[in-house]
PDB file of N, CA and C in Angstrom:
ATOM      1  N   MET A   1      76.853 101.929 105.594  1.00  0.00           N
ATOM      2  CA  MET A   1      78.172 101.656 105.057  1.00  0.00           C
ATOM      3  C   MET A   1      78.042 100.841 103.779  1.00  0.00           C
ATOM      4  N   ASP A   2      78.764 101.255 102.765  1.00  0.00           N
ATOM      5  CA  ASP A   2      78.722 100.567 101.481  1.00  0.00           C
ATOM      6  C   ASP A   2      79.589  99.315 101.543  1.00  0.00           C
ATOM      7  N   ARG A   3      79.009  98.199 101.219  1.00  0.00           N
ATOM      8  CA  ARG A   3      79.732  96.923 101.293  1.00  0.00           C
ATOM      9  C   ARG A   3      80.577  96.670 100.049  1.00  0.00           C
ATOM     10  N   ASN A   4      80.535  97.575  99.083  1.00  0.00           N
ATOM     11  CA  ASN A   4      81.266  97.384  97.835  1.00  0.00           C
ATOM     12  C   ASN A   4      82.573  98.158  97.790  1.00  0.00           C
ATOM     13  N   VAL A   5      83.058  98.627  98.919  1.00  0.00           N
ATOM     14  CA  VAL A   5      84.257  99.460  98.929  1.00  0.00           C
ATOM     15  C   VAL A   5      85.424  98.751  98.253  1.00  0.00           C
ATOM     16  N   ASP A   6      85.662  97.500  98.575  1.00  0.00           N
ATOM     17  CA  ASP A   6      86.768  96.760  97.946  1.00  0.00           C
ATOM     18  C   ASP A   6      86.610  96.709  96.438  1.00  0.00           C
ATOM     19  N   GLU A   7      85.382  96.493  95.977  1.00  0.00           N
ATOM     20  CA  GLU A   7      85.147  96.453  94.529  1.00  0.00           C
ATOM     21  C   GLU A   7      85.477  97.797  93.891  1.00  0.00           C
ATOM     22  N   TYR A   8      85.065  98.880  94.529  1.00  0.00           N
ATOM     23  CA  TYR A   8      85.349 100.214  93.995  1.00  0.00           C
ATOM     24  C   TYR A   8      86.845 100.486  93.962  1.00  0.00           C
ATOM     25  N   LEU A   9      87.534 100.138  95.040  1.00  0.00           N
ATOM     26  CA  LEU A   9      88.976 100.369  95.088  1.00  0.00           C
ATOM     27  C   LEU A   9      89.703  99.559  94.028  1.00  0.00           C
ATOM     28  N   HIS A  10      89.303  98.323  93.832  1.00  0.00           N
ATOM     29  CA  HIS A  10      89.974  97.482  92.838  1.00  0.00           C
ATOM     30  C   HIS A  10      89.617  97.885  91.410  1.00  0.00           C
ATOM     31  N   ALA A  11      88.516  98.592  91.234  1.00  0.00           N
ATOM     32  CA  ALA A  11      88.135  99.068  89.905  1.00  0.00           C
ATOM     33  C   ALA A  11      88.829 100.386  89.546  1.00  0.00           C
ATOM     34  N   ALA A  12      89.365 101.066  90.544  1.00  0.00           N
ATOM     35  CA  ALA A  12      90.003 102.371  90.328  1.00  0.00           C
ATOM     36  C   ALA A  12      91.451 102.198  89.866  1.00  0.00           C
ATOM     37  N   ASP A  13      91.968 103.245  89.215  1.00  0.00           N
ATOM     38  CA  ASP A  13      93.368 103.250  88.785  1.00  0.00           C
ATOM     39  C   ASP A  13      94.246 104.049  89.738  1.00  0.00           C
ATOM     40  N   ILE A  14      93.691 105.120  90.301  1.00  0.00           N
ATOM     41  CA  ILE A  14      94.419 105.972  91.234  1.00  0.00           C
ATOM     42  C   ILE A  14      93.438 106.511  92.281  1.00  0.00           C
ATOM     43  N   PHE A  15      93.984 107.082  93.338  1.00  0.00           N
ATOM     44  CA  PHE A  15      93.166 107.618  94.425  1.00  0.00           C
ATOM     45  C   PHE A  15      93.725 108.985  94.790  1.00  0.00           C
ATOM     46  N   THR A  16      92.843 109.950  94.954  1.00  0.00           N
ATOM     47  CA  THR A  16      93.289 111.268  95.398  1.00  0.00           C
ATOM     48  C   THR A  16      92.568 111.636  96.675  1.00  0.00           C
ATOM     49  N   PHE A  17      93.286 112.345  97.532  1.00  0.00           N
ATOM     50  CA  PHE A  17      92.752 112.696  98.845  1.00  0.00           C
ATOM     51  C   PHE A  17      93.130 114.147  99.140  1.00  0.00           C
ATOM     52  N   PRO A  18      92.305 115.113  98.684  1.00  0.00           N
ATOM     53  CA  PRO A  18      92.652 116.530  98.830  1.00  0.00           C
ATOM     54  C   PRO A  18      92.120 117.192 100.106  1.00  0.00           C
ATOM     55  N   SER A  19      91.986 116.433 101.164  1.00  0.00           N
ATOM     56  CA  SER A  19      91.425 116.951 102.406  1.00  0.00           C
ATOM     57  C   SER A  19      92.378 117.940 103.081  1.00  0.00           C
ATOM     58  N   GLU A  20      91.811 118.951 103.724  1.00  0.00           N
ATOM     59  CA  GLU A  20      92.619 119.934 104.440  1.00  0.00           C
ATOM     60  C   GLU A  20      92.941 119.514 105.864  1.00  0.00           C
ATOM     61  N   ARG A  21      92.063 118.750 106.478  1.00  0.00           N
ATOM     62  CA  ARG A  21      92.260 118.369 107.883  1.00  0.00           C
ATOM     63  C   ARG A  21      91.681 116.985 108.104  1.00  0.00           C
ATOM     64  N   GLU A  22      92.483 116.097 108.633  1.00  0.00           N
ATOM     65  CA  GLU A  22      92.046 114.731 108.902  1.00  0.00           C
ATOM     66  C   GLU A  22      92.754 114.220 110.144  1.00  0.00           C
ATOM     67  N   GLY A  23      92.158 113.240 110.749  1.00  0.00           N
ATOM     68  CA  GLY A  23      92.833 112.514 111.813  1.00  0.00           C
ATOM     69  C   GLY A  23      93.564 111.360 111.160  1.00  0.00           C
ATOM     70  N   MET A  24      93.016 110.185 111.259  1.00  0.00           N
ATOM     71  CA  MET A  24      93.567 109.025 110.575  1.00  0.00           C
ATOM     72  C   MET A  24      92.525 108.593 109.556  1.00  0.00           C
ATOM     73  N   PRO A  25      92.704 108.987 108.311  1.00  0.00           N
ATOM     74  CA  PRO A  25      91.687 108.752 107.276  1.00  0.00           C
ATOM     75  C   PRO A  25      91.624 107.296 106.821  1.00  0.00           C
ATOM     76  N   ASN A  26      90.564 106.615 107.210  1.00  0.00           N
ATOM     77  CA  ASN A  26      90.407 105.211 106.841  1.00  0.00           C
ATOM     78  C   ASN A  26      90.330 105.013 105.332  1.00  0.00           C
ATOM     79  N   GLY A  27      89.694 105.941 104.637  1.00  0.00           N
ATOM     80  CA  GLY A  27      89.604 105.820 103.178  1.00  0.00           C
ATOM     81  C   GLY A  27      90.982 105.817 102.531  1.00  0.00           C
ATOM     82  N   LEU A  28      91.853 106.661 103.024  1.00  0.00           N
ATOM     83  CA  LEU A  28      93.216 106.708 102.510  1.00  0.00           C
ATOM     84  C   LEU A  28      93.952 105.409 102.825  1.00  0.00           C
ATOM     85  N   LEU A  29      93.809 104.920 104.043  1.00  0.00           N
ATOM     86  CA  LEU A  29      94.442 103.653 104.417  1.00  0.00           C
ATOM     87  C   LEU A  29      93.916 102.503 103.558  1.00  0.00           C
ATOM     88  N   ASP A  30      92.607 102.484 103.318  1.00  0.00           N
ATOM     89  CA  ASP A  30      92.014 101.447 102.470  1.00  0.00           C
ATOM     90  C   ASP A  30      92.603 101.503 101.060  1.00  0.00           C
ATOM     91  N   ALA A  31      92.723 102.705 100.517  1.00  0.00           N
ATOM     92  CA  ALA A  31      93.272 102.858  99.167  1.00  0.00           C
ATOM     93  C   ALA A  31      94.719 102.387  99.115  1.00  0.00           C
ATOM     94  N   MET A  32      95.516 102.799 100.092  1.00  0.00           N
ATOM     95  CA  MET A  32      96.915 102.387 100.125  1.00  0.00           C
ATOM     96  C   MET A  32      97.034 100.873 100.289  1.00  0.00           C
ATOM     97  N   ALA A  33      96.212 100.304 101.180  1.00  0.00           N
ATOM     98  CA  ALA A  33      96.258  98.861 101.428  1.00  0.00           C
ATOM     99  C   ALA A  33      95.875  98.065 100.186  1.00  0.00           C
ATOM    100  N   SER A  34      94.983  98.625  99.376  1.00  0.00           N
ATOM    101  CA  SER A  34      94.555  97.920  98.166  1.00  0.00           C
ATOM    102  C   SER A  34      95.556  98.077  97.030  1.00  0.00           C
ATOM    103  N   GLY A  35      96.573  98.902  97.229  1.00  0.00           N
ATOM    104  CA  GLY A  35      97.598  99.080  96.209  1.00  0.00           C
ATOM    105  C   GLY A  35      97.325 100.188  95.222  1.00  0.00           C
ATOM    106  N   LEU A  36      96.359 101.049  95.530  1.00  0.00           N
ATOM    107  CA  LEU A  36      96.108 102.179  94.637  1.00  0.00           C
ATOM    108  C   LEU A  36      97.194 103.235  94.806  1.00  0.00           C
ATOM    109  N   PRO A  37      97.751 103.736  93.708  1.00  0.00           N
ATOM    110  CA  PRO A  37      98.656 104.876  93.817  1.00  0.00           C
ATOM    111  C   PRO A  37      97.867 106.084  94.322  1.00  0.00           C
ATOM    112  N   VAL A  38      98.424 106.815  95.273  1.00  0.00           N
ATOM    113  CA  VAL A  38      97.698 107.885  95.952  1.00  0.00           C
ATOM    114  C   VAL A  38      98.387 109.228  95.756  1.00  0.00           C
ATOM    115  N   ALA A  39      97.574 110.242  95.428  1.00  0.00           N
ATOM    116  CA  ALA A  39      98.014 111.641  95.438  1.00  0.00           C
ATOM    117  C   ALA A  39      97.188 112.334  96.512  1.00  0.00           C
ATOM    118  N   LEU A  40      97.874 112.976  97.455  1.00  0.00           N
ATOM    119  CA  LEU A  40      97.153 113.674  98.512  1.00  0.00           C
ATOM    120  C   LEU A  40      97.737 115.058  98.713  1.00  0.00           C
ATOM    121  N   THR A  41      96.972 115.903  99.350  1.00  0.00           N
ATOM    122  CA  THR A  41      97.435 117.255  99.643  1.00  0.00           C
ATOM    123  C   THR A  41      97.844 117.327 101.109  1.00  0.00           C
ATOM    124  N   PRO A  42      98.702 118.283 101.468  1.00  0.00           N
ATOM    125  CA  PRO A  42      99.108 118.403 102.870  1.00  0.00           C
ATOM    126  C   PRO A  42      97.877 118.566 103.753  1.00  0.00           C
ATOM    127  N   SER A  43      97.883 117.876 104.868  1.00  0.00           N
ATOM    128  CA  SER A  43      96.721 117.909 105.755  1.00  0.00           C
ATOM    129  C   SER A  43      97.167 117.940 107.198  1.00  0.00           C
ATOM    130  N   ALA A  44      96.564 118.820 107.958  1.00  0.00           N
ATOM    131  CA  ALA A  44      96.833 118.855 109.393  1.00  0.00           C
ATOM    132  C   ALA A  44      96.319 117.566 110.004  1.00  0.00           C
ATOM    133  N   GLY A  45      97.133 116.922 110.788  1.00  0.00           N
ATOM    134  CA  GLY A  45      96.695 115.724 111.479  1.00  0.00           C
ATOM    135  C   GLY A  45      97.211 114.428 110.905  1.00  0.00           C
ATOM    136  N   PHE A  46      97.805 114.443 109.714  1.00  0.00           N
ATOM    137  CA  PHE A  46      98.352 113.208 109.163  1.00  0.00           C
ATOM    138  C   PHE A  46      99.522 112.744 110.008  1.00  0.00           C
ATOM    139  N   SER A  47      99.543 111.483 110.296  1.00  0.00           N
ATOM    140  CA  SER A  47     100.615 110.886 111.068  1.00  0.00           C
ATOM    141  C   SER A  47     101.791 110.542 110.159  1.00  0.00           C
ATOM    142  N   ASP A  48     102.995 110.670 110.687  1.00  0.00           N
ATOM    143  CA  ASP A  48     104.177 110.240 109.935  1.00  0.00           C
ATOM    144  C   ASP A  48     104.150 108.743 109.675  1.00  0.00           C
ATOM    145  N   ASP A  49     103.322 108.013 110.438  1.00  0.00           N
ATOM    146  CA  ASP A  49     103.198 106.578 110.224  1.00  0.00           C
ATOM    147  C   ASP A  49     102.637 106.243 108.848  1.00  0.00           C
ATOM    148  N   LEU A  50     101.972 107.207 108.196  1.00  0.00           N
ATOM    149  CA  LEU A  50     101.416 106.949 106.867  1.00  0.00           C
ATOM    150  C   LEU A  50     102.499 106.677 105.837  1.00  0.00           C
ATOM    151  N   GLY A  51     103.668 107.234 106.051  1.00  0.00           N
ATOM    152  CA  GLY A  51     104.753 107.057 105.100  1.00  0.00           C
ATOM    153  C   GLY A  51     105.339 108.383 104.699  1.00  0.00           C
ATOM    154  N   SER A  52     105.962 108.400 103.534  1.00  0.00           N
ATOM    155  CA  SER A  52     106.616 109.629 103.086  1.00  0.00           C
ATOM    156  C   SER A  52     106.322 109.908 101.616  1.00  0.00           C
ATOM    157  N   ASP A  53     106.392 111.181 101.306  1.00  0.00           N
ATOM    158  CA  ASP A  53     106.148 111.660  99.949  1.00  0.00           C
ATOM    159  C   ASP A  53     107.139 111.006  98.983  1.00  0.00           C
ATOM    160  N   GLY A  54     106.603 110.484  97.892  1.00  0.00           N
ATOM    161  CA  GLY A  54     107.431 109.867  96.883  1.00  0.00           C
ATOM    162  C   GLY A  54     107.733 108.399  97.139  1.00  0.00           C
ATOM    163  N   ARG A  55     107.423 107.945  98.325  1.00  0.00           N
ATOM    164  CA  ARG A  55     107.665 106.528  98.634  1.00  0.00           C
ATOM    165  C   ARG A  55     106.341 105.762  98.689  1.00  0.00           C
ATOM    166  N   GLU A  56     105.430 106.144  99.601  1.00  0.00           N
ATOM    167  CA  GLU A  56     104.140 105.458  99.723  1.00  0.00           C
ATOM    168  C   GLU A  56     103.016 106.211  99.016  1.00  0.00           C
ATOM    169  N   PHE A  57     103.230 107.489  98.729  1.00  0.00           N
ATOM    170  CA  PHE A  57     102.218 108.341  98.104  1.00  0.00           C
ATOM    171  C   PHE A  57     102.900 109.580  97.552  1.00  0.00           C
ATOM    172  N   MET A  58     102.117 110.401  96.858  1.00  0.00           N
ATOM    173  CA  MET A  58     102.606 111.701  96.391  1.00  0.00           C
ATOM    174  C   MET A  58     101.860 112.789  97.152  1.00  0.00           C
ATOM    175  N   ILE A  59     102.588 113.771  97.670  1.00  0.00           N
ATOM    176  CA  ILE A  59     101.951 114.940  98.275  1.00  0.00           C
ATOM    177  C   ILE A  59     102.070 116.079  97.276  1.00  0.00           C
ATOM    178  N   VAL A  60     100.943 116.717  96.998  1.00  0.00           N
ATOM    179  CA  VAL A  60     100.926 117.809  96.032  1.00  0.00           C
ATOM    180  C   VAL A  60     100.201 119.013  96.627  1.00  0.00           C
ATOM    181  N   GLU A  61     100.517 120.163  96.099  1.00  0.00           N
ATOM    182  CA  GLU A  61      99.860 121.398  96.516  1.00  0.00           C
ATOM    183  C   GLU A  61      98.350 121.281  96.325  1.00  0.00           C
ATOM    184  N   ARG A  62      97.603 121.927  97.201  1.00  0.00           N
ATOM    185  CA  ARG A  62      96.138 121.876  97.123  1.00  0.00           C
ATOM    186  C   ARG A  62      95.647 122.910  96.101  1.00  0.00           C
ATOM    187  N   SER A  63      95.752 122.544  94.841  1.00  0.00           N
ATOM    188  CA  SER A  63      95.210 123.378  93.771  1.00  0.00           C
ATOM    189  C   SER A  63      94.802 122.449  92.637  1.00  0.00           C
ATOM    190  N   ALA A  64      93.881 122.913  91.829  1.00  0.00           N
ATOM    191  CA  ALA A  64      93.408 122.092  90.717  1.00  0.00           C
ATOM    192  C   ALA A  64      94.557 121.774  89.760  1.00  0.00           C
ATOM    193  N   ALA A  65      95.403 122.745  89.494  1.00  0.00           N
ATOM    194  CA  ALA A  65      96.512 122.531  88.565  1.00  0.00           C
ATOM    195  C   ALA A  65      97.502 121.496  89.096  1.00  0.00           C
ATOM    196  N   ALA A  66      97.855 121.606  90.374  1.00  0.00           N
ATOM    197  CA  ALA A  66      98.815 120.669  90.961  1.00  0.00           C
ATOM    198  C   ALA A  66      98.239 119.253  91.023  1.00  0.00           C
ATOM    199  N   LEU A  67      96.971 119.141  91.406  1.00  0.00           N
ATOM    200  CA  LEU A  67      96.338 117.818  91.446  1.00  0.00           C
ATOM    201  C   LEU A  67      96.247 117.210  90.051  1.00  0.00           C
ATOM    202  N   THR A  68      95.903 118.012  89.076  1.00  0.00           N
ATOM    203  CA  THR A  68      95.831 117.536  87.691  1.00  0.00           C
ATOM    204  C   THR A  68      97.188 117.018  87.243  1.00  0.00           C
ATOM    205  N   GLN A  69      98.237 117.778  87.524  1.00  0.00           N
ATOM    206  CA  GLN A  69      99.586 117.375  87.136  1.00  0.00           C
ATOM    207  C   GLN A  69      99.989 116.067  87.830  1.00  0.00           C
ATOM    208  N   ALA A  70      99.674 115.940  89.111  1.00  0.00           N
ATOM    209  CA  ALA A  70     100.019 114.724  89.858  1.00  0.00           C
ATOM    210  C   ALA A  70      99.249 113.513  89.330  1.00  0.00           C
ATOM    211  N   LEU A  71      97.969 113.701  89.064  1.00  0.00           N
ATOM    212  CA  LEU A  71      97.165 112.590  88.557  1.00  0.00           C
ATOM    213  C   LEU A  71      97.642 112.157  87.170  1.00  0.00           C
ATOM    214  N   GLU A  72      98.019 113.131  86.335  1.00  0.00           N
ATOM    215  CA  GLU A  72      98.577 112.793  85.021  1.00  0.00           C
ATOM    216  C   GLU A  72      99.885 112.023  85.180  1.00  0.00           C
ATOM    217  N   ALA A  73     100.720 112.452  86.130  1.00  0.00           N
ATOM    218  CA  ALA A  73     101.993 111.761  86.369  1.00  0.00           C
ATOM    219  C   ALA A  73     101.741 110.316  86.806  1.00  0.00           C
ATOM    220  N   LEU A  74     100.734 110.121  87.649  1.00  0.00           N
ATOM    221  CA  LEU A  74     100.415 108.764  88.088  1.00  0.00           C
ATOM    222  C   LEU A  74      99.863 107.919  86.944  1.00  0.00           C
ATOM    223  N   LEU A  75      99.035 108.511  86.118  1.00  0.00           N
ATOM    224  CA  LEU A  75      98.451 107.757  85.010  1.00  0.00           C
ATOM    225  C   LEU A  75      99.486 107.423  83.939  1.00  0.00           C
ATOM    226  N   LYS A  76     100.424 108.343  83.702  1.00  0.00           N
ATOM    227  CA  LYS A  76     101.422 108.144  82.645  1.00  0.00           C
ATOM    228  C   LYS A  76     102.695 107.464  83.142  1.00  0.00           C
ATOM    229  N   GLY A  77     102.969 107.562  84.427  1.00  0.00           N
ATOM    230  CA  GLY A  77     104.223 107.043  84.967  1.00  0.00           C
ATOM    231  C   GLY A  77     104.097 105.622  85.478  1.00  0.00           C
ATOM    232  N   LYS A  78     104.282 104.673  84.595  1.00  0.00           N
ATOM    233  CA  LYS A  78     104.102 103.274  84.964  1.00  0.00           C
ATOM    234  C   LYS A  78     105.035 102.863  86.100  1.00  0.00           C
ATOM    235  N   SER A  79     106.297 103.257  86.064  1.00  0.00           N
ATOM    236  CA  SER A  79     107.230 102.846  87.120  1.00  0.00           C
ATOM    237  C   SER A  79     106.837 103.458  88.463  1.00  0.00           C
ATOM    238  N   LEU A  80     106.347 104.691  88.458  1.00  0.00           N
ATOM    239  CA  LEU A  80     105.880 105.327  89.696  1.00  0.00           C
ATOM    240  C   LEU A  80     104.674 104.576  90.250  1.00  0.00           C
ATOM    241  N   ARG A  81     103.711 104.266  89.394  1.00  0.00           N
ATOM    242  CA  ARG A  81     102.524 103.510  89.833  1.00  0.00           C
ATOM    243  C   ARG A  81     102.914 102.155  90.410  1.00  0.00           C
ATOM    244  N   ILE A  82     103.802 101.472  89.727  1.00  0.00           N
ATOM    245  CA  ILE A  82     104.222 100.142  90.192  1.00  0.00           C
ATOM    246  C   ILE A  82     104.889 100.248  91.560  1.00  0.00           C
ATOM    247  N   ARG A  83     105.758 101.234  91.739  1.00  0.00           N
ATOM    248  CA  ARG A  83     106.436 101.405  93.033  1.00  0.00           C
ATOM    249  C   ARG A  83     105.438 101.690  94.141  1.00  0.00           C
ATOM    250  N   LEU A  84     104.511 102.619  93.914  1.00  0.00           N
ATOM    251  CA  LEU A  84     103.518 102.949  94.936  1.00  0.00           C
ATOM    252  C   LEU A  84     102.616 101.756  95.224  1.00  0.00           C
ATOM    253  N   ARG A  85     102.241 101.021  94.194  1.00  0.00           N
ATOM    254  CA  ARG A  85     101.388  99.837  94.374  1.00  0.00           C
ATOM    255  C   ARG A  85     102.080  98.761  95.215  1.00  0.00           C
ATOM    256  N   ARG A  86     103.392  98.710  95.144  1.00  0.00           N
ATOM    257  CA  ARG A  86     104.139  97.689  95.875  1.00  0.00           C
ATOM    258  C   ARG A  86     104.452  98.133  97.307  1.00  0.00           C
ATOM    259  N   VAL A  87     104.830  99.388  97.477  1.00  0.00           N
ATOM    260  CA  VAL A  87     105.315  99.871  98.774  1.00  0.00           C
ATOM    261  C   VAL A  87     104.183 100.228  99.732  1.00  0.00           C
ATOM    262  N   ALA A  88     103.150 100.906  99.260  1.00  0.00           N
ATOM    263  CA  ALA A  88     102.083 101.397 100.148  1.00  0.00           C
ATOM    264  C   ALA A  88     101.365 100.287 100.913  1.00  0.00           C
ATOM    265  N   PRO A  89     100.973  99.190 100.262  1.00  0.00           N
ATOM    266  CA  PRO A  89     100.287  98.139 101.039  1.00  0.00           C
ATOM    267  C   PRO A  89     101.150  97.576 102.163  1.00  0.00           C
ATOM    268  N   ARG A  90     102.446  97.440 101.903  1.00  0.00           N
ATOM    269  CA  ARG A  90     103.334  96.930 102.953  1.00  0.00           C
ATOM    270  C   ARG A  90     103.410  97.894 104.126  1.00  0.00           C
ATOM    271  N   ARG A  91     103.390  99.178 103.830  1.00  0.00           N
ATOM    272  CA  ARG A  91     103.436 100.188 104.892  1.00  0.00           C
ATOM    273  C   ARG A  91     102.191 100.082 105.768  1.00  0.00           C
ATOM    274  N   VAL A  92     101.039  99.989 105.141  1.00  0.00           N
ATOM    275  CA  VAL A  92      99.782  99.894 105.891  1.00  0.00           C
ATOM    276  C   VAL A  92      99.771  98.624 106.729  1.00  0.00           C
ATOM    277  N   GLU A  93     100.187  97.521 106.140  1.00  0.00           N
ATOM    278  CA  GLU A  93     100.209  96.256 106.876  1.00  0.00           C
ATOM    279  C   GLU A  93     101.151  96.310 108.069  1.00  0.00           C
ATOM    280  N   SER A  94     102.306  96.953 107.908  1.00  0.00           N
ATOM    281  CA  SER A  94     103.290  96.970 108.992  1.00  0.00           C
ATOM    282  C   SER A  94     102.966  97.996 110.077  1.00  0.00           C
ATOM    283  N   ARG A  95     102.318  99.101 109.713  1.00  0.00           N
ATOM    284  CA  ARG A  95     102.065 100.166 110.687  1.00  0.00           C
ATOM    285  C   ARG A  95     100.655 100.180 111.260  1.00  0.00           C
ATOM    286  N   PHE A  96      99.712  99.573 110.554  1.00  0.00           N
ATOM    287  CA  PHE A  96      98.316  99.689 110.970  1.00  0.00           C
ATOM    288  C   PHE A  96      97.641  98.341 111.141  1.00  0.00           C
ATOM    289  N   ASP A  97      98.417  97.361 111.493  1.00  0.00           N
ATOM    290  CA  ASP A  97      97.888  96.043 111.809  1.00  0.00           C
ATOM    291  C   ASP A  97      96.915  96.176 112.981  1.00  0.00           C
ATOM    292  N   LEU A  98      95.793  95.481 112.931  1.00  0.00           N
ATOM    293  CA  LEU A  98      94.771  95.594 113.971  1.00  0.00           C
ATOM    294  C   LEU A  98      95.324  95.255 115.348  1.00  0.00           C
ATOM    295  N   GLU A  99      96.042  94.160 115.459  1.00  0.00           N
ATOM    296  CA  GLU A  99      96.593  93.762 116.765  1.00  0.00           C
ATOM    297  C   GLU A  99      97.552  94.817 117.301  1.00  0.00           C
ATOM    298  N   GLN A 100      98.389  95.350 116.422  1.00  0.00           N
ATOM    299  CA  GLN A 100      99.339  96.393 116.829  1.00  0.00           C
ATOM    300  C   GLN A 100      98.588  97.644 117.283  1.00  0.00           C
ATOM    301  N   SER A 101      97.549  98.027 116.563  1.00  0.00           N
ATOM    302  CA  SER A 101      96.761  99.200 116.937  1.00  0.00           C
ATOM    303  C   SER A 101      96.088  99.003 118.291  1.00  0.00           C
ATOM    304  N   LEU A 102      95.532  97.821 118.504  1.00  0.00           N
ATOM    305  CA  LEU A 102      94.890  97.538 119.793  1.00  0.00           C
ATOM    306  C   LEU A 102      95.906  97.556 120.929  1.00  0.00           C
ATOM    307  N   ASP A 103      97.099  97.033 120.687  1.00  0.00           N
ATOM    308  CA  ASP A 103      98.156  97.075 121.701  1.00  0.00           C
ATOM    309  C   ASP A 103      98.530  98.513 122.046  1.00  0.00           C
ATOM    310  N   CYS A 104      98.599  99.380 121.036  1.00  0.00           N
ATOM    311  CA  CYS A 104      98.927 100.796 121.277  1.00  0.00           C
ATOM    312  C   CYS A 104      97.833 101.473 122.098  1.00  0.00           C
ATOM    313  N   TYR A 105      96.570 101.219 121.765  1.00  0.00           N
ATOM    314  CA  TYR A 105      95.470 101.792 122.547  1.00  0.00           C
ATOM    315  C   TYR A 105      95.510 101.284 123.982  1.00  0.00           C
ATOM    316  N   SER A 106      95.754  99.998 124.151  1.00  0.00           N
ATOM    317  CA  SER A 106      95.816  99.416 125.495  1.00  0.00           C
ATOM    318  C   SER A 106      96.931 100.071 126.308  1.00  0.00           C
ATOM    319  N   ALA A 107      98.090 100.238 125.712  1.00  0.00           N
ATOM    320  CA  ALA A 107      99.213 100.872 126.410  1.00  0.00           C
ATOM    321  C   ALA A 107      98.876 102.311 126.783  1.00  0.00           C
ATOM    322  N   LEU A 108      98.218 103.019 125.880  1.00  0.00           N
ATOM    323  CA  LEU A 108      97.826 104.397 126.164  1.00  0.00           C
ATOM    324  C   LEU A 108      96.847 104.466 127.323  1.00  0.00           C
ATOM    325  N   TYR A 109      95.847 103.598 127.314  1.00  0.00           N
ATOM    326  CA  TYR A 109      94.855 103.590 128.407  1.00  0.00           C
ATOM    327  C   TYR A 109      95.511 103.222 129.730  1.00  0.00           C
ATOM    328  N   HIS A 110      96.420 102.282 129.730  1.00  0.00           N
ATOM    329  CA  HIS A 110      97.126 101.928 130.978  1.00  0.00           C
ATOM    330  C   HIS A 110      97.952 103.109 131.491  1.00  0.00           C
ATOM    331  N   GLU A 111      98.573 103.818 130.570  1.00  0.00           N
ATOM    332  CA  GLU A 111      99.360 105.004 130.942  1.00  0.00           C
ATOM    333  C   GLU A 111      98.457 106.083 131.529  1.00  0.00           C
ATOM    334  N   LEU A 112      97.299 106.286 130.919  1.00  0.00           N
ATOM    335  CA  LEU A 112      96.362 107.291 131.423  1.00  0.00           C
ATOM    336  C   LEU A 112      95.854 106.932 132.815  1.00  0.00           C
ATOM    337  N   VAL A 113      95.503 105.682 133.002  1.00  0.00           N
ATOM    338  CA  VAL A 113      95.007 105.225 134.326  1.00  0.00           C
ATOM    339  C   VAL A 113      96.112 105.375 135.365  1.00  0.00           C
ATOM    340  N   ALA A 114      97.329 105.026 135.011  1.00  0.00           N
ATOM    341  CA  ALA A 114      98.454 105.148 135.955  1.00  0.00           C
ATOM    342  C   ALA A 114      98.702 106.598 136.327  1.00  0.00           C
ATOM    343  N   SER A 115      98.493 107.516 135.377  1.00  0.00           N
ATOM    344  CA  SER A 115      98.740 108.931 135.679  1.00  0.00           C
ATOM    345  C   SER A 115      97.663 109.524 136.602  1.00  0.00           C
ATOM    346  N   ILE A 116      96.482 108.900 136.631  1.00  0.00           N
ATOM    347  CA  ILE A 116      95.399 109.374 137.501  1.00  0.00           C
ATOM    348  C   ILE A 116      95.651 108.936 138.941  1.00  0.00           C
ATOM    349  N   ASN A 117      96.211 107.742 139.113  1.00  0.00           N
ATOM    350  CA  ASN A 117      96.441 107.188 140.450  1.00  0.00           C
ATOM    351  C   ASN A 117      97.627 107.776 141.119  1.00  0.00           C
TER     352      ASN A 117
END
């Protein structure tokens, strides 16, 4: 594991995530938490907890042209970048807090054990 991830994220201007299939992508969460404006493509498995298009990130068609256009919009659109930089970290903090995640896993495991008995 690279220990310089925070340095890389803080050195970047934008983050793109063109994956076709993901569960809960930690790299995307890290980018959002660090305040990077994010352009991503639709992906099977993304949770609605990540946020919504145009609010916490931009969702764009999975093509070179669409990604290029979105990245240009992020680089040129100062107000869009500022909004994403402000909103996305709060979303990650409120939805993916470690204690909250552990509580959800604990509740799920208790539910599973109860269903076996």
